[in-house]
C-alpha atoms as a PDB file:
ATOM      1  CA  MET A   1     -21.857  27.878  16.535  1.00  0.00           C
ATOM      2  CA  THR A   2     -18.161  27.242  17.194  1.00  0.00           C
ATOM      3  CA  THR A   3     -19.066  24.075  19.120  1.00  0.00           C
ATOM      4  CA  PHE A   4     -21.066  22.827  16.153  1.00  0.00           C
ATOM      5  CA  TRP A   5     -18.142  23.208  13.751  1.00  0.00           C
ATOM      6  CA  LEU A   6     -15.743  21.678  16.253  1.00  0.00           C
ATOM      7  CA  LEU A   7     -17.965  18.622  16.670  1.00  0.00           C
ATOM      8  CA  LEU A   8     -18.509  18.363  12.926  1.00  0.00           C
ATOM      9  CA  THR A   9     -14.752  18.558  12.305  1.00  0.00           C
ATOM     10  CA  LEU A  10     -14.015  15.923  14.953  1.00  0.00           C
ATOM     11  CA  ALA A  11     -16.698  13.635  13.523  1.00  0.00           C
ATOM     12  CA  ALA A  12     -15.262  14.003  10.024  1.00  0.00           C
ATOM     13  CA  LEU A  13     -11.728  13.321  11.259  1.00  0.00           C
ATOM     14  CA  LEU A  14     -12.908  10.267  13.169  1.00  0.00           C
ATOM     15  CA  TRP A  15     -14.763   8.945  10.134  1.00  0.00           C
ATOM     16  CA  TYR A  16     -11.851   9.610   7.802  1.00  0.00           C
ATOM     17  CA  GLY A  17      -9.385   7.996  10.200  1.00  0.00           C
ATOM     18  CA  SER A  18     -11.514   4.900  10.658  1.00  0.00           C
ATOM     19  CA  VAL A  19     -12.015   4.487   6.911  1.00  0.00           C
ATOM     20  CA  THR A  20      -8.294   4.921   6.333  1.00  0.00           C
ATOM     21  CA  ILE A  21      -7.412   2.308   8.946  1.00  0.00           C
ATOM     22  CA  TYR A  22     -10.046  -0.122   7.590  1.00  0.00           C
ATOM     23  CA  VAL A  23      -8.838   0.259   3.996  1.00  0.00           C
ATOM     24  CA  SER A  24      -5.172  -0.150   4.940  1.00  0.00           C
ATOM     25  CA  ILE A  25      -5.875  -3.320   6.965  1.00  0.00           C
ATOM     26  CA  LYS A  26      -8.010  -4.844   4.191  1.00  0.00           C
ATOM     27  CA  GLY A  27      -5.468  -3.784   1.574  1.00  0.00           C
ATOM     28  CA  ALA A  28      -2.593  -5.387   3.467  1.00  0.00           C
ATOM     29  CA  SER A  29      -4.625  -8.557   3.834  1.00  0.00           C
ATOM     30  CA  ASP A  30      -5.430  -8.617   0.115  1.00  0.00           C
ATOM     31  CA  ILE A  31      -1.798  -8.035  -0.831  1.00  0.00           C
ATOM     32  CA  ARG A  32      -0.663 -10.882   1.467  1.00  0.00           C
ATOM     33  CA  GLU A  33      -3.266 -13.193  -0.095  1.00  0.00           C
ATOM     34  CA  MET A  34      -2.273 -12.165  -3.619  1.00  0.00           C
ATOM     35  CA  LEU A  35       1.427 -12.779  -2.944  1.00  0.00           C
ATOM     36  CA  ALA A  36       0.664 -16.201  -1.432  1.00  0.00           C
ATOM     37  CA  ARG A  37      -1.375 -17.142  -4.519  1.00  0.00           C
ATOM     38  CA  LEU A  38       1.420 -15.984  -6.819  1.00  0.00           C
ATOM     39  CA  LYS A  39       3.949 -17.978  -4.837  1.00  0.00           C
ATOM     40  CA  ARG A  40       1.787 -21.135  -5.055  1.00  0.00           C
ATOM     41  CA  ARG A  41       1.271 -20.623  -8.779  1.00  0.00           C
ATOM     42  CA  ASP A  42       5.018 -20.095  -9.309  1.00  0.00           C
ATOM     43  CA  ARG A  43       5.819 -23.383  -7.522  1.00  0.00           C
ATOM     44  CA  ASN A  44       3.301 -25.312  -9.639  1.00  0.00           C
ATOM     45  CA  ASP A  45       4.849 -24.192 -12.937  1.00  0.00           C
END
């Protein structure tokens, strides 16, 4: 039973880590895009 909980914990940590990395990469990309759009809009005004 200990092996089951160890594997379940490792799977949950792997899933959580991968989701965290994915969200941070996409978030950084979205922030860069947003700042570029704001900079373009600021130059046009």
